């Protein structure tokens, strides 16, 4: 995937299904109490991407192929969209 090519609607829906509701952790970060299927490692998020915890500034330039991943205070993924 490149930053100028928007994924198909099916690909976007697949990413949303795979990510929303899971917890985003760094590759070496541990989180006690979560099952492996509840975790997504940051290295699994395709580039280009923008990971946005609460209150983080969002880059406003439009790149159709960039994945934007919104997190809550507990690092749970709440929204995924491209652009």
C-alpha atoms as a PDB file:
ATOM      1  CA  UNK A   1       0.000   0.000   0.000  1.00  0.00           C
ATOM      2  CA  UNK A   2       1.306   3.492  -0.776  1.00  0.00           C
ATOM      3  CA  UNK A   3       0.219   6.868   0.539  1.00  0.00           C
ATOM      4  CA  UNK A   4      -1.412   7.949  -2.726  1.00  0.00           C
ATOM      5  CA  UNK A   5      -3.575   4.896  -3.403  1.00  0.00           C
ATOM      6  CA  UNK A   6      -6.776   4.504  -1.414  1.00  0.00           C
ATOM      7  CA  UNK A   7      -7.517   0.890  -0.441  1.00  0.00           C
ATOM      8  CA  UNK A   8     -10.730  -0.660  -1.714  1.00  0.00           C
ATOM      9  CA  UNK A   9     -13.841  -0.399   0.447  1.00  0.00           C
ATOM     10  CA  UNK A  10     -13.472  -4.109   1.215  1.00  0.00           C
ATOM     11  CA  UNK A  11      -9.864  -3.670   2.368  1.00  0.00           C
ATOM     12  CA  UNK A  12     -10.860  -0.741   4.578  1.00  0.00           C
ATOM     13  CA  UNK A  13     -13.689  -2.734   6.150  1.00  0.00           C
ATOM     14  CA  UNK A  14     -11.304  -5.673   6.736  1.00  0.00           C
ATOM     15  CA  UNK A  15      -8.821  -3.410   8.528  1.00  0.00           C
ATOM     16  CA  UNK A  16     -11.582  -1.876  10.639  1.00  0.00           C
ATOM     17  CA  UNK A  17     -12.851  -5.336  11.605  1.00  0.00           C
ATOM     18  CA  UNK A  18      -9.318  -6.529  12.449  1.00  0.00           C
ATOM     19  CA  UNK A  19      -8.383  -3.485  14.550  1.00  0.00           C
ATOM     20  CA  UNK A  20     -11.349  -1.755  16.210  1.00  0.00           C
ATOM     21  CA  UNK A  21     -11.841  -2.894  19.791  1.00  0.00           C
ATOM     22  CA  UNK A  22      -8.311  -4.265  20.162  1.00  0.00           C
ATOM     23  CA  UNK A  23      -5.424  -2.777  22.131  1.00  0.00           C
ATOM     24  CA  UNK A  24      -2.435  -1.322  20.293  1.00  0.00           C
ATOM     25  CA  UNK A  25       0.921  -2.164  21.872  1.00  0.00           C
ATOM     26  CA  UNK A  26       4.515  -1.614  20.848  1.00  0.00           C
ATOM     27  CA  UNK A  27       6.360  -4.752  19.743  1.00  0.00           C
ATOM     28  CA  UNK A  28       8.062  -5.246  23.120  1.00  0.00           C
ATOM     29  CA  UNK A  29       5.302  -3.862  25.359  1.00  0.00           C
ATOM     30  CA  UNK A  30       3.509  -6.200  27.760  1.00  0.00           C
ATOM     31  CA  UNK A  31      -0.067  -5.822  28.949  1.00  0.00           C
ATOM     32  CA  UNK A  32      -1.166  -8.106  31.754  1.00  0.00           C
ATOM     33  CA  UNK A  33      -4.697  -9.414  31.584  1.00  0.00           C
ATOM     34  CA  UNK A  34      -5.216  -9.361  27.825  1.00  0.00           C
ATOM     35  CA  UNK A  35      -5.499 -12.408  25.614  1.00  0.00           C
ATOM     36  CA  UNK A  36      -3.314 -12.437  22.480  1.00  0.00           C
ATOM     37  CA  UNK A  37      -6.379 -12.007  20.237  1.00  0.00           C
ATOM     38  CA  UNK A  38      -7.139  -8.702  22.011  1.00  0.00           C
ATOM     39  CA  UNK A  39      -3.770  -7.201  21.051  1.00  0.00           C
ATOM     40  CA  UNK A  40      -2.430  -5.637  17.869  1.00  0.00           C
ATOM     41  CA  UNK A  41       1.261  -4.768  17.673  1.00  0.00           C
ATOM     42  CA  UNK A  42       2.181  -1.388  16.203  1.00  0.00           C
ATOM     43  CA  UNK A  43       4.443  -3.153  13.714  1.00  0.00           C
ATOM     44  CA  UNK A  44       1.327  -4.780  12.187  1.00  0.00           C
ATOM     45  CA  UNK A  45      -0.178  -1.404  11.225  1.00  0.00           C
ATOM     46  CA  UNK A  46       0.647  -0.683   7.560  1.00  0.00           C
ATOM     47  CA  UNK A  47       2.635   2.403   6.680  1.00  0.00           C
ATOM     48  CA  UNK A  48       2.006   5.179   6.110  1.00  0.00           C
ATOM     49  CA  UNK A  49      -0.012   5.568   9.277  1.00  0.00           C
ATOM     50  CA  UNK A  50      -0.972   8.056  11.916  1.00  0.00           C
ATOM     51  CA  UNK A  51      -1.545   6.719  15.451  1.00  0.00           C
ATOM     52  CA  UNK A  52      -3.653   9.165  17.437  1.00  0.00           C
ATOM     53  CA  UNK A  53      -4.042   8.857  21.202  1.00  0.00           C
ATOM     54  CA  UNK A  54      -6.563  11.196  22.877  1.00  0.00           C
ATOM     55  CA  UNK A  55      -5.620  14.845  22.426  1.00  0.00           C
ATOM     56  CA  UNK A  56      -2.880  14.187  19.855  1.00  0.00           C
ATOM     57  CA  UNK A  57      -2.721  16.642  16.964  1.00  0.00           C
ATOM     58  CA  UNK A  58      -3.877  15.155  13.684  1.00  0.00           C
ATOM     59  CA  UNK A  59      -1.973  15.788  10.472  1.00  0.00           C
ATOM     60  CA  UNK A  60      -4.561  17.396   8.206  1.00  0.00           C
ATOM     61  CA  UNK A  61      -3.001  16.768   4.796  1.00  0.00           C
ATOM     62  CA  UNK A  62      -5.002  14.207   2.845  1.00  0.00           C
ATOM     63  CA  UNK A  63      -3.155  11.061   1.833  1.00  0.00           C
ATOM     64  CA  UNK A  64      -5.638   8.480   0.507  1.00  0.00           C
ATOM     65  CA  UNK A  65      -3.470   5.504   1.517  1.00  0.00           C
ATOM     66  CA  UNK A  66      -2.573   6.635   5.043  1.00  0.00           C
ATOM     67  CA  UNK A  67      -4.209   4.657   7.846  1.00  0.00           C
ATOM     68  CA  UNK A  68      -5.409   6.802  10.745  1.00  0.00           C
ATOM     69  CA  UNK A  69      -5.827   4.866  13.984  1.00  0.00           C
ATOM     70  CA  UNK A  70      -7.549   6.516  16.950  1.00  0.00           C
ATOM     71  CA  UNK A  71      -6.954   5.235  20.496  1.00  0.00           C
ATOM     72  CA  UNK A  72      -8.712   5.792  23.800  1.00  0.00           C
ATOM     73  CA  UNK A  73      -6.900   6.405  27.100  1.00  0.00           C
ATOM     74  CA  UNK A  74      -6.259   2.655  27.494  1.00  0.00           C
ATOM     75  CA  UNK A  75      -4.718   2.246  24.010  1.00  0.00           C
ATOM     76  CA  UNK A  76      -7.879   0.593  22.714  1.00  0.00           C
ATOM     77  CA  UNK A  77      -8.501   1.248  19.021  1.00  0.00           C
ATOM     78  CA  UNK A  78     -11.758   3.147  18.605  1.00  0.00           C
ATOM     79  CA  UNK A  79     -11.670   4.257  14.960  1.00  0.00           C
ATOM     80  CA  UNK A  80      -9.785   3.445  11.766  1.00  0.00           C
ATOM     81  CA  UNK A  81     -10.030   5.308   8.489  1.00  0.00           C
ATOM     82  CA  UNK A  82      -7.866   6.143   5.504  1.00  0.00           C
ATOM     83  CA  UNK A  83      -7.031   9.587   4.226  1.00  0.00           C
END
